[in-house]
Amino acid sequence: MKHPPQPPPDPTQLRALAVRLLLEDAVEHTPTSGRITALAHAHDVTPRTVRRWIDNARANGGTYTPAGRPHFELTEHMLDVVARWHGNVTRAHLELKAEAKNDPKLPKVPARATFHRAVHRQLNRGQLAGLRKGEAARRRFDVFGKRERHHRNYAWETDHVEASVKVLIDGHIRKPWITWFVDCANDGICGLSITPQTPSRESILVALRDALLTTSEHGPFGGRPQRVRVDGGKDFLCKTVGEAMDLLGTELIVLPPRRPDLKPTVEAINGAVKKTLFADMPGYTEAPTRPGGKPIDPNPELLHFEVFVALLLNWVREWNTEHTIKDLDGKTPAQAWAADPTPIRTVTAKDIHAFTLERLGKPLTITSKGVCWRNRDYFAPWMVGKGGEKVHLRYMPHHDHNVELYEPTTGQYLGSAVMANQAPPAVRRELDRARRRQADELRRRQEKAEKSRKARYAAVNKGPTQRLDAITEDQAIQQLRDLGGADLSTQALPSFLPLPAPTDGWAVPRSRPAHSDHSDEDDQ
């Protein structure tokens, strides 16, 4: 097997090494005249030239630095003209030539080729692209270091991405939006939400709830992340999302705007879903066009929103379980997740039921119409018999048809309620049945109490009456215990205590003698 030829050694590096060794020998007072002659012979130069190399190294801190050929340098004014012409070097050169021709005091402008070489020497490719097309074009030439992956749930990244596909929803053409949370350690998609309109904090909360649960269809990914990286969007910085992160014990890292390089994992998935899924769908908005910008197929058969959602969820499943990644040693995200021994701080659906919802500030009162919020009444069958009680209301943003209610002091979940004018017939029938059950239960209790209140006596024709519902002493004591009765001695006041027995020497009152027929005589 033939190896490719190696490049010849760089003479400049060889000179720098030889000069550094000569300087080290000079420090140790070692004669160097013979070595100078040998070095001059090796490089086919005179000893005087080698001594100039040594002087150059001493002048540059011990490192041989060849001066190189002199080059034409652009002035600040010339660079400003190039920037004003948005990187058009030829047009900037013509303007500078005209200025120098009209004003002899200005510096001389070289030939166009020399000017072009000077521009490309002083401005790199990224700077020229930025002058021509802006910051986005300049960033294409930047170099970004690879971020360390760490362990699972060490960091998540989240973002909104607009699908490059037009779909049908209720007869209207829309471009859906996707919000997802991605684990940076293995590129696994932990959770997502899909909306046919511009996303909001609602989309974030739904996707966050989906990502936290390990029992969702995107499992086994999930659990509580240590940190979540977000951009500067106001929906990611809203109070509800911040409270959810605080309750999770998750650090919210806010990245500067327009810096996709700081969340490369989710940006890579944004690009992957576009190339591997959207590009194959009808209605793809970035498909090639005819001359003039007209689409090749002006009337494509657009997908319905439900079909789009099903295809996207299937793509997410394939990405997590079938797509292999080179940086993960050829493993899929699911395999990399399973091979990670880091413990998962799991949460349950009951745990995250409340804090991913917005909470109303003050408690509301249950009235005969239910709970009134935003001039709308909400009711549920479980409210029957609870009129006058206070409740805390939580809701999902933009979902006014349904609310969740909690006990205001303990935070215990009571149940959901629906808007009165949007309640389906089944809920209304359940409400009627709940009212009837409450009424029947009250009637039964009243009848039972009335029955126990009435005493039954045996029919007699003489002597005292006798109750028919007589019970034994043990039964009476047991019933008292069931009713919460207690021993009367345990309820005695502390001031009523028995006196101690008299001791010897105490004067005690004499007991009065019993009255007799001779009492008068004794008195006489």
Protein backbone atom coordinates (compact mmCIF):
# COMPACT_ATOMS: atom_id res chain seq x y z
CA MET A 1 0.00 0.00 0.00
CA LYS A 2 1.49 3.30 -1.11
CA HIS A 3 1.40 6.17 1.35
CA PRO A 4 0.77 9.69 0.06
CA PRO A 5 3.94 11.74 -0.33
CA GLN A 6 4.79 13.86 2.68
CA PRO A 7 5.08 17.63 2.15
CA PRO A 8 8.62 19.02 2.22
CA PRO A 9 9.73 20.61 5.49
CA ASP A 10 9.10 24.30 5.92
CA PRO A 11 12.47 26.11 5.72
CA THR A 12 11.20 28.90 7.93
CA GLN A 13 10.44 26.47 10.77
CA LEU A 14 13.84 24.81 10.34
CA ARG A 15 15.54 28.19 10.55
CA ALA A 16 13.56 29.10 13.68
CA LEU A 17 14.53 25.81 15.37
CA ALA A 18 18.21 26.16 14.51
CA VAL A 19 18.32 29.78 15.68
CA ARG A 20 16.60 28.88 19.00
CA LEU A 21 19.20 26.16 19.63
CA LEU A 22 22.04 28.57 18.82
CA LEU A 23 20.66 31.10 21.32
CA GLU A 24 20.45 28.40 24.01
CA ASP A 25 24.09 27.49 23.38
CA ALA A 26 25.09 31.16 23.58
CA VAL A 27 23.47 31.42 27.03
CA GLU A 28 25.62 28.51 28.21
CA HIS A 29 28.76 30.23 26.81
CA THR A 30 29.30 27.49 24.27
CA PRO A 31 31.32 28.49 21.16
CA THR A 32 28.89 28.77 18.24
CA SER A 33 31.13 29.87 15.36
CA GLY A 34 31.47 26.35 14.02
CA ARG A 35 27.77 25.71 14.27
CA ILE A 36 27.02 29.01 12.55
CA THR A 37 29.22 27.96 9.65
CA ALA A 38 27.56 24.51 9.50
CA LEU A 39 24.07 26.07 9.58
CA ALA A 40 25.01 28.51 6.82
CA HIS A 41 26.27 25.61 4.71
CA ALA A 42 23.04 23.58 5.34
CA HIS A 43 20.83 26.46 4.20
CA ASP A 44 23.16 27.55 1.42
CA VAL A 45 23.66 31.03 2.87
CA THR A 46 26.60 32.94 4.29
CA PRO A 47 27.45 33.03 8.02
CA ARG A 48 26.59 36.72 7.96
CA THR A 49 23.03 35.81 6.98
CA VAL A 50 22.81 33.36 9.92
CA ARG A 51 23.95 36.12 12.28
CA ARG A 52 21.16 38.35 10.93
CA TRP A 53 18.73 35.52 11.78
CA ILE A 54 20.08 35.49 15.32
CA ASP A 55 19.68 39.27 15.61
CA ASN A 56 16.10 38.95 14.31
CA ALA A 57 15.30 36.33 16.95
CA ARG A 58 16.73 38.44 19.76
CA ALA A 59 14.66 41.41 18.58
CA ASN A 60 11.45 39.29 18.58
CA GLY A 61 11.74 37.72 22.04
CA GLY A 62 13.87 34.73 21.05
CA THR A 63 11.78 33.59 18.08
CA TYR A 64 12.99 33.96 14.52
CA THR A 65 10.32 35.98 12.67
CA PRO A 66 11.01 36.71 9.03
CA ALA A 67 9.90 40.13 7.96
CA GLY A 68 8.45 38.98 4.66
CA ARG A 69 7.79 41.04 1.62
CA PRO A 70 6.37 44.56 2.09
CA HIS A 71 2.63 44.82 1.33
CA PHE A 72 0.30 47.66 0.58
CA GLU A 73 -1.88 48.42 3.64
CA LEU A 74 -5.36 49.91 3.40
CA THR A 75 -6.04 53.07 5.38
CA GLU A 76 -9.13 53.50 7.59
CA HIS A 77 -10.65 55.76 4.95
CA MET A 78 -10.19 53.06 2.30
CA LEU A 79 -11.85 50.46 4.56
CA ASP A 80 -14.75 52.85 5.18
CA VAL A 81 -15.26 53.25 1.43
CA VAL A 82 -15.29 49.45 0.98
CA ALA A 83 -17.88 49.17 3.76
CA ARG A 84 -20.02 51.95 2.24
CA TRP A 85 -20.07 50.05 -1.03
CA HIS A 86 -21.16 46.86 0.86
CA GLY A 87 -18.02 44.94 -0.02
CA ASN A 88 -17.90 45.90 -3.70
CA VAL A 89 -14.11 46.18 -3.92
CA THR A 90 -13.99 47.19 -7.58
CA ARG A 91 -16.44 50.06 -7.11
CA ALA A 92 -14.62 51.21 -3.98
CA HIS A 93 -11.31 51.16 -5.90
CA LEU A 94 -12.76 53.35 -8.66
CA GLU A 95 -14.05 55.91 -6.15
CA LEU A 96 -10.71 56.05 -4.33
CA LYS A 97 -8.85 56.48 -7.64
CA ALA A 98 -11.12 59.40 -8.53
CA GLU A 99 -10.60 61.01 -5.12
CA ALA A 100 -6.81 60.67 -5.37
CA LYS A 101 -6.86 62.15 -8.87
CA ASN A 102 -8.79 65.23 -7.71
CA ASP A 103 -6.81 65.70 -4.48
CA PRO A 104 -3.04 65.15 -4.76
CA LYS A 105 -2.69 65.26 -0.96
CA LEU A 106 -4.49 61.93 -0.59
CA PRO A 107 -2.38 58.73 -0.52
CA LYS A 108 -1.77 57.08 -3.83
CA VAL A 109 -4.11 54.20 -4.70
CA PRO A 110 -2.38 51.12 -6.20
CA ALA A 111 -3.53 49.08 -9.13
CA ARG A 112 -6.84 47.21 -8.87
CA ALA A 113 -5.22 43.78 -8.44
CA THR A 114 -3.00 45.08 -5.64
CA PHE A 115 -6.01 46.76 -4.01
CA HIS A 116 -8.01 43.50 -4.19
CA ARG A 117 -5.15 41.57 -2.57
CA ALA A 118 -4.90 44.17 0.20
CA VAL A 119 -8.66 43.97 0.90
CA HIS A 120 -8.65 40.16 1.11
CA ARG A 121 -5.53 40.28 3.28
CA GLN A 122 -7.02 42.73 5.82
CA LEU A 123 -10.65 41.50 5.72
CA ASN A 124 -11.36 37.80 6.06
CA ARG A 125 -14.13 35.99 4.20
CA GLY A 126 -16.60 36.35 7.03
CA GLN A 127 -16.11 40.12 7.25
CA LEU A 128 -16.57 40.55 3.50
CA ALA A 129 -19.73 38.39 3.58
CA GLY A 130 -21.03 40.53 6.44
CA LEU A 131 -20.43 43.72 4.45
CA ARG A 132 -22.31 42.24 1.49
CA LYS A 133 -25.26 40.42 3.12
CA GLY A 134 -25.25 41.21 6.83
CA GLU A 135 -24.60 39.46 10.11
CA ALA A 136 -26.36 36.22 9.18
CA ALA A 137 -24.01 35.76 6.22
CA ARG A 138 -20.97 36.55 8.35
CA ARG A 139 -21.88 33.87 10.91
CA ARG A 140 -21.67 31.17 8.25
CA PHE A 141 -17.91 31.60 8.35
CA ASP A 142 -17.62 31.48 12.15
CA VAL A 143 -16.08 28.55 14.00
CA PHE A 144 -17.93 27.24 17.05
CA GLY A 145 -16.49 24.88 19.59
CA LYS A 146 -18.37 21.65 20.28
CA ARG A 147 -20.25 21.74 23.58
CA GLU A 148 -19.65 18.88 26.02
CA ARG A 149 -22.60 16.50 26.20
CA HIS A 150 -22.36 15.66 29.94
CA HIS A 151 -25.01 13.17 31.19
CA ARG A 152 -28.72 12.73 30.54
CA ASN A 153 -30.98 15.47 31.91
CA TYR A 154 -27.92 17.64 32.56
CA ALA A 155 -29.27 20.22 30.10
CA TRP A 156 -32.24 20.56 27.77
CA GLU A 157 -32.73 22.97 24.89
CA THR A 158 -36.09 24.24 23.69
CA ASP A 159 -37.23 26.26 20.71
CA HIS A 160 -40.15 27.08 18.42
CA VAL A 161 -39.83 26.18 14.74
CA GLU A 162 -42.29 26.98 11.96
CA ALA A 163 -42.93 23.99 9.71
CA SER A 164 -42.04 24.64 6.08
CA VAL A 165 -45.30 23.00 5.03
CA LYS A 166 -48.79 24.33 4.38
CA VAL A 167 -51.63 22.23 5.81
CA LEU A 168 -55.42 22.42 5.94
CA ILE A 169 -57.32 23.02 9.16
CA ASP A 170 -61.07 23.71 9.09
CA GLY A 171 -60.79 24.74 5.46
CA HIS A 172 -58.01 27.27 6.09
CA ILE A 173 -54.38 27.02 4.95
CA ARG A 174 -51.94 27.30 7.82
CA LYS A 175 -48.27 26.62 8.57
CA PRO A 176 -48.00 24.71 11.86
CA TRP A 177 -45.54 25.51 14.62
CA ILE A 178 -43.63 22.97 16.72
CA THR A 179 -42.27 23.46 20.23
CA TRP A 180 -39.98 20.77 21.57
CA PHE A 181 -37.56 19.99 24.38
CA VAL A 182 -34.38 18.11 23.48
CA ASP A 183 -31.86 16.40 25.77
CA CYS A 184 -28.36 17.65 24.91
CA ALA A 185 -26.57 14.48 26.07
CA ASN A 186 -28.13 12.17 23.48
CA ASP A 187 -30.17 14.39 21.08
CA GLY A 188 -33.37 12.70 22.26
CA ILE A 189 -36.67 14.53 21.79
CA CYS A 190 -38.23 14.42 25.27
CA GLY A 191 -41.51 16.14 24.42
CA LEU A 192 -43.21 18.44 21.95
CA SER A 193 -46.40 20.30 21.14
CA ILE A 194 -47.86 21.18 17.73
CA THR A 195 -50.12 24.17 17.08
CA PRO A 196 -51.68 25.46 13.86
CA GLN A 197 -51.03 29.07 14.90
CA THR A 198 -48.21 31.16 16.36
CA PRO A 199 -47.03 29.43 19.55
CA SER A 200 -47.44 30.94 23.01
CA ARG A 201 -46.77 29.98 26.61
CA GLU A 202 -49.54 27.40 26.22
CA SER A 203 -47.38 25.53 23.69
CA ILE A 204 -44.41 25.65 26.06
CA LEU A 205 -46.42 24.30 29.01
CA VAL A 206 -47.91 21.45 26.97
CA ALA A 207 -44.50 20.48 25.57
CA LEU A 208 -42.88 20.78 29.02
CA ARG A 209 -45.51 18.51 30.61
CA ASP A 210 -44.99 15.99 27.80
CA ALA A 211 -41.21 16.14 28.24
CA LEU A 212 -41.24 15.66 32.00
CA LEU A 213 -43.31 12.46 31.96
CA THR A 214 -41.31 9.31 31.27
CA THR A 215 -44.56 7.42 30.66
CA SER A 216 -45.50 9.45 27.59
CA GLU A 217 -45.28 8.09 24.07
CA HIS A 218 -41.84 9.70 23.72
CA GLY A 219 -40.47 7.66 26.64
CA PRO A 220 -38.16 6.66 28.17
CA PHE A 221 -36.90 10.24 27.88
CA GLY A 222 -38.03 12.57 30.63
CA GLY A 223 -37.60 13.49 34.26
CA ARG A 224 -36.47 16.74 35.82
CA PRO A 225 -33.59 18.46 33.97
CA GLN A 226 -30.95 20.39 35.84
CA ARG A 227 -31.05 23.31 33.41
CA VAL A 228 -33.00 24.42 30.32
CA ARG A 229 -31.55 26.74 27.68
CA VAL A 230 -34.03 29.11 26.02
CA ASP A 231 -33.75 32.10 23.76
CA GLY A 232 -34.96 35.57 24.67
CA GLY A 233 -38.57 35.07 23.50
CA LYS A 234 -41.11 36.66 25.86
CA ASP A 235 -43.24 33.50 25.92
CA PHE A 236 -40.29 31.52 27.31
CA LEU A 237 -39.70 34.24 29.90
CA CYS A 238 -43.31 34.52 31.09
CA LYS A 239 -44.19 34.19 34.78
CA THR A 240 -45.89 30.81 34.42
CA VAL A 241 -42.89 29.15 32.75
CA GLY A 242 -40.56 30.70 35.33
CA GLU A 243 -42.68 29.40 38.24
CA ALA A 244 -42.74 25.93 36.69
CA MET A 245 -38.94 25.89 36.41
CA ASP A 246 -38.53 27.15 39.98
CA LEU A 247 -40.82 24.46 41.38
CA LEU A 248 -38.92 21.82 39.41
CA GLY A 249 -35.61 23.08 40.76
CA THR A 250 -34.47 23.64 37.17
CA GLU A 251 -32.17 26.52 36.20
CA LEU A 252 -33.53 28.60 33.33
CA ILE A 253 -30.61 29.80 31.18
CA VAL A 254 -31.64 32.73 28.95
CA LEU A 255 -29.44 32.97 25.86
CA PRO A 256 -28.84 36.21 23.97
CA PRO A 257 -31.07 36.75 20.94
CA ARG A 258 -30.07 35.59 17.47
CA ARG A 259 -27.44 33.19 18.76
CA PRO A 260 -28.41 29.77 17.39
CA ASP A 261 -24.88 28.54 18.00
CA LEU A 262 -25.57 28.55 21.75
CA LYS A 263 -28.33 25.92 21.37
CA PRO A 264 -26.91 23.75 18.59
CA THR A 265 -28.77 20.55 19.55
CA VAL A 266 -32.28 21.84 19.00
CA GLU A 267 -31.17 23.84 15.95
CA ALA A 268 -29.77 20.63 14.42
CA ILE A 269 -33.15 18.93 14.91
CA ASN A 270 -34.90 21.94 13.36
CA GLY A 271 -32.77 21.46 10.26
CA ALA A 272 -33.11 17.67 10.25
CA VAL A 273 -36.91 17.66 10.34
CA LYS A 274 -36.99 20.11 7.46
CA LYS A 275 -34.69 18.03 5.24
CA THR A 276 -35.93 14.55 6.13
CA LEU A 277 -39.68 15.11 6.60
CA PHE A 278 -41.03 18.45 5.38
CA ALA A 279 -39.19 18.31 2.04
CA ASP A 280 -41.20 15.20 1.09
CA MET A 281 -44.62 16.67 1.94
CA PRO A 282 -46.99 18.41 -0.47
CA GLY A 283 -47.11 22.13 0.16
CA TYR A 284 -43.40 22.36 1.03
CA THR A 285 -42.71 26.10 0.96
CA GLU A 286 -38.98 25.86 0.14
CA ALA A 287 -39.37 23.64 -2.92
CA PRO A 288 -37.71 24.71 -6.20
CA THR A 289 -39.75 27.13 -8.30
CA ARG A 290 -40.14 28.02 -11.95
CA PRO A 291 -38.59 31.16 -13.47
CA GLY A 292 -40.38 34.12 -11.94
CA GLY A 293 -40.88 32.41 -8.58
CA LYS A 294 -44.01 30.44 -9.52
CA PRO A 295 -44.31 26.99 -7.89
CA ILE A 296 -43.95 23.91 -10.05
CA ASP A 297 -47.26 22.54 -8.72
CA PRO A 298 -49.56 25.53 -8.14
CA ASN A 299 -52.39 23.42 -6.61
CA PRO A 300 -50.87 20.67 -4.45
CA GLU A 301 -53.11 18.39 -2.41
CA LEU A 302 -52.32 19.73 1.02
CA LEU A 303 -52.30 17.48 4.07
CA HIS A 304 -54.87 17.92 6.81
CA PHE A 305 -53.54 19.03 10.15
CA GLU A 306 -54.34 15.70 11.80
CA VAL A 307 -52.36 13.80 9.13
CA PHE A 308 -49.43 16.19 9.55
CA VAL A 309 -49.42 15.59 13.32
CA ALA A 310 -49.43 11.81 12.85
CA LEU A 311 -46.52 11.95 10.39
CA LEU A 312 -44.51 14.24 12.66
CA LEU A 313 -45.04 11.99 15.71
CA ASN A 314 -43.92 9.00 13.67
CA TRP A 315 -40.80 10.93 12.60
CA VAL A 316 -40.04 11.72 16.26
CA ARG A 317 -40.35 8.03 17.14
CA GLU A 318 -37.94 7.09 14.34
CA TRP A 319 -35.52 9.82 15.39
CA ASN A 320 -35.44 8.60 18.98
CA THR A 321 -35.30 4.85 18.34
CA GLU A 322 -33.93 4.23 14.82
CA HIS A 323 -31.77 7.20 13.81
CA THR A 324 -28.09 6.61 14.66
CA ILE A 325 -25.75 9.51 15.46
CA LYS A 326 -22.02 9.49 14.76
CA ASP A 327 -21.12 11.48 17.88
CA LEU A 328 -22.90 8.85 19.99
CA ASP A 329 -20.63 6.07 18.63
CA GLY A 330 -23.30 4.99 16.17
CA LYS A 331 -26.04 4.64 18.81
CA THR A 332 -29.60 5.89 18.61
CA PRO A 333 -30.73 8.48 21.18
CA ALA A 334 -32.74 5.79 22.99
CA GLN A 335 -29.71 3.49 23.19
CA ALA A 336 -27.50 6.30 24.47
CA TRP A 337 -30.15 7.16 27.07
CA ALA A 338 -30.39 3.55 28.26
CA ALA A 339 -26.59 3.23 28.52
CA ASP A 340 -26.33 6.32 30.75
CA PRO A 341 -26.25 5.29 34.46
CA THR A 342 -27.23 8.75 35.74
CA PRO A 343 -30.31 8.53 38.02
CA ILE A 344 -33.52 10.07 36.69
CA ARG A 345 -35.44 12.46 38.93
CA THR A 346 -38.91 11.44 37.85
CA VAL A 347 -42.19 13.28 38.32
CA THR A 348 -45.73 11.94 38.00
CA ALA A 349 -48.74 13.36 36.21
CA LYS A 350 -50.27 14.22 39.57
CA ASP A 351 -47.15 16.14 40.62
CA ILE A 352 -47.15 18.40 37.57
CA HIS A 353 -50.90 18.83 37.35
CA ALA A 354 -50.89 22.28 38.91
CA PHE A 355 -47.67 24.15 38.27
CA THR A 356 -47.90 23.97 34.48
CA LEU A 357 -51.15 25.94 34.71
CA GLU A 358 -51.63 29.65 35.28
CA ARG A 359 -53.14 30.50 38.68
CA LEU A 360 -55.65 33.23 39.35
CA GLY A 361 -54.53 35.51 42.14
CA LYS A 362 -57.54 35.56 44.48
CA PRO A 363 -59.89 32.73 45.51
CA LEU A 364 -63.34 32.52 43.95
CA THR A 365 -66.65 31.56 45.57
CA ILE A 366 -68.84 28.72 44.37
CA THR A 367 -72.35 30.09 43.79
CA SER A 368 -75.55 28.54 42.53
CA LYS A 369 -74.25 29.09 38.99
CA GLY A 370 -70.82 27.60 39.71
CA VAL A 371 -67.65 29.70 39.60
CA CYS A 372 -67.67 33.03 37.76
CA TRP A 373 -64.44 34.02 35.98
CA ARG A 374 -64.07 36.60 33.21
CA ASN A 375 -67.86 37.03 33.19
CA ARG A 376 -68.26 33.34 32.41
CA ASP A 377 -69.75 30.64 34.60
CA TYR A 378 -68.02 27.29 35.09
CA PHE A 379 -69.66 24.34 36.80
CA ALA A 380 -69.13 20.64 37.43
CA PRO A 381 -71.14 17.86 39.11
CA TRP A 382 -68.75 17.71 42.08
CA MET A 383 -69.75 21.28 43.04
CA VAL A 384 -73.22 20.17 44.18
CA GLY A 385 -73.60 20.94 47.88
CA LYS A 386 -70.45 23.12 48.00
CA GLY A 387 -72.09 26.51 47.46
CA GLY A 388 -70.35 29.28 49.37
CA GLU A 389 -66.95 27.52 49.53
CA LYS A 390 -63.77 29.22 48.28
CA VAL A 391 -61.63 27.72 45.53
CA HIS A 392 -58.45 28.63 43.64
CA LEU A 393 -58.69 28.58 39.86
CA ARG A 394 -55.95 27.47 37.47
CA TYR A 395 -56.19 27.40 33.70
CA MET A 396 -54.25 26.62 30.56
CA PRO A 397 -53.66 29.83 28.55
CA HIS A 398 -56.09 30.24 25.64
CA HIS A 399 -58.19 27.29 26.89
CA ASP A 400 -61.12 29.19 28.39
CA HIS A 401 -63.58 26.32 27.98
CA ASN A 402 -62.08 24.31 30.84
CA VAL A 403 -60.56 25.26 34.24
CA GLU A 404 -59.08 23.39 37.19
CA LEU A 405 -60.07 24.18 40.78
CA TYR A 406 -58.14 23.66 44.02
CA GLU A 407 -58.73 24.06 47.75
CA PRO A 408 -57.25 27.51 48.60
CA THR A 409 -55.57 26.62 51.93
CA THR A 410 -54.19 23.14 51.33
CA GLY A 411 -53.88 23.26 47.53
CA GLN A 412 -55.76 19.96 47.23
CA TYR A 413 -57.09 19.31 43.73
CA LEU A 414 -60.90 19.39 43.70
CA GLY A 415 -61.68 18.81 40.06
CA SER A 416 -62.22 20.47 36.70
CA ALA A 417 -65.11 22.63 35.56
CA VAL A 418 -66.45 23.49 32.12
CA MET A 419 -67.95 26.66 30.73
CA ALA A 420 -71.71 26.66 31.23
CA ASN A 421 -72.69 27.54 27.67
CA GLN A 422 -70.24 24.99 26.25
CA ALA A 423 -70.99 22.07 28.56
CA PRO A 424 -71.91 18.95 26.57
CA PRO A 425 -75.24 17.22 27.31
CA ALA A 426 -73.48 14.38 29.13
CA VAL A 427 -72.04 16.83 31.70
CA ARG A 428 -75.44 18.43 32.24
CA ARG A 429 -77.04 15.01 32.77
CA GLU A 430 -74.32 14.12 35.27
CA LEU A 431 -74.98 17.42 37.06
CA ASP A 432 -78.70 16.58 37.34
CA ARG A 433 -77.88 13.10 38.64
CA ALA A 434 -75.49 14.59 41.20
CA ARG A 435 -78.20 16.94 42.45
CA ARG A 436 -80.67 14.04 42.73
CA ARG A 437 -78.12 11.93 44.59
CA GLN A 438 -77.54 14.75 47.06
CA ALA A 439 -81.29 15.17 47.59
CA ASP A 440 -81.81 11.40 48.03
CA GLU A 441 -78.94 11.18 50.50
CA LEU A 442 -80.37 14.06 52.54
CA ARG A 443 -83.84 12.45 52.57
CA ARG A 444 -82.44 9.13 53.73
CA ARG A 445 -80.51 10.77 56.55
CA GLN A 446 -83.57 12.72 57.68
CA GLU A 447 -85.78 9.65 57.62
CA LYS A 448 -83.21 7.64 59.56
CA ALA A 449 -82.87 10.40 62.15
CA GLU A 450 -86.64 10.73 62.52
CA LYS A 451 -86.99 6.97 62.90
CA SER A 452 -84.37 6.86 65.66
CA ARG A 453 -86.00 9.84 67.42
CA LYS A 454 -89.36 8.12 67.87
CA ALA A 455 -89.57 5.88 71.01
CA ARG A 456 -91.76 2.75 70.86
CA TYR A 457 -93.67 1.62 73.95
CA ALA A 458 -95.54 -1.61 74.70
CA ALA A 459 -99.30 -1.49 75.05
CA VAL A 460 -100.32 -1.88 78.72
CA ASN A 461 -103.51 -1.67 80.78
CA LYS A 462 -101.83 -1.02 84.10
CA GLY A 463 -98.45 -0.33 85.60
CA PRO A 464 -95.52 1.67 84.18
CA THR A 465 -94.82 1.81 80.46
CA GLN A 466 -92.06 -0.30 78.93
CA ARG A 467 -89.93 0.75 75.95
CA LEU A 468 -89.69 -1.75 73.15
CA ASP A 469 -86.32 -0.57 71.90
CA ALA A 470 -84.51 -1.39 75.10
CA ILE A 471 -80.85 -2.27 74.67
CA THR A 472 -78.19 -3.81 76.85
CA GLU A 473 -75.60 -1.81 78.76
CA ASP A 474 -72.81 -2.99 76.42
CA GLN A 475 -74.81 -1.92 73.37
CA ALA A 476 -75.45 1.50 74.90
CA ILE A 477 -71.74 2.02 75.67
CA GLN A 478 -70.80 0.97 72.12
CA GLN A 479 -73.34 3.37 70.60
CA LEU A 480 -71.98 6.18 72.78
CA ARG A 481 -68.51 5.42 71.49
CA ASP A 482 -69.76 5.43 67.89
CA LEU A 483 -71.45 8.78 68.47
CA GLY A 484 -68.29 10.25 69.99
CA GLY A 485 -69.46 10.05 73.60
CA ALA A 486 -66.93 10.07 76.42
CA ASP A 487 -66.74 9.28 80.11
CA LEU A 488 -68.15 12.16 82.13
CA SER A 489 -65.30 11.84 84.62
CA THR A 490 -62.86 12.78 81.88
CA GLN A 491 -64.79 16.00 81.30
CA ALA A 492 -64.80 17.10 84.98
CA LEU A 493 -63.48 20.55 85.62
CA PRO A 494 -60.08 20.66 87.32
CA SER A 495 -61.48 22.69 90.31
CA PHE A 496 -63.80 19.87 91.34
CA LEU A 497 -61.32 17.58 93.08
CA PRO A 498 -61.96 15.34 96.16
CA LEU A 499 -60.60 16.71 99.48
CA PRO A 500 -57.79 14.78 101.20
CA ALA A 501 -58.55 12.72 104.33
CA PRO A 502 -58.14 14.68 107.68
CA THR A 503 -55.05 13.99 109.75
CA ASP A 504 -54.67 13.69 113.52
CA GLY A 505 -54.99 16.98 115.36
CA TRP A 506 -57.42 18.56 112.88
CA ALA A 507 -60.63 20.00 114.32
CA VAL A 508 -63.44 18.48 112.39
CA PRO A 509 -67.11 19.46 112.58
CA ARG A 510 -69.31 17.22 114.59
CA SER A 511 -72.10 15.58 112.79
CA ARG A 512 -75.50 16.70 113.87
CA PRO A 513 -77.31 14.01 115.89
CA ALA A 514 -80.43 12.49 114.50
CA HIS A 515 -83.70 14.08 115.70
CA SER A 516 -85.50 12.08 118.49
CA ASP A 517 -88.57 12.40 120.78
CA HIS A 518 -86.37 13.10 123.88
CA SER A 519 -84.41 15.87 122.29
CA ASP A 520 -86.44 18.55 124.07
CA GLU A 521 -85.93 17.00 127.45
CA ASP A 522 -82.20 16.77 127.01
CA ASP A 523 -82.11 20.38 126.13
CA GLN A 524 -83.86 21.26 129.35
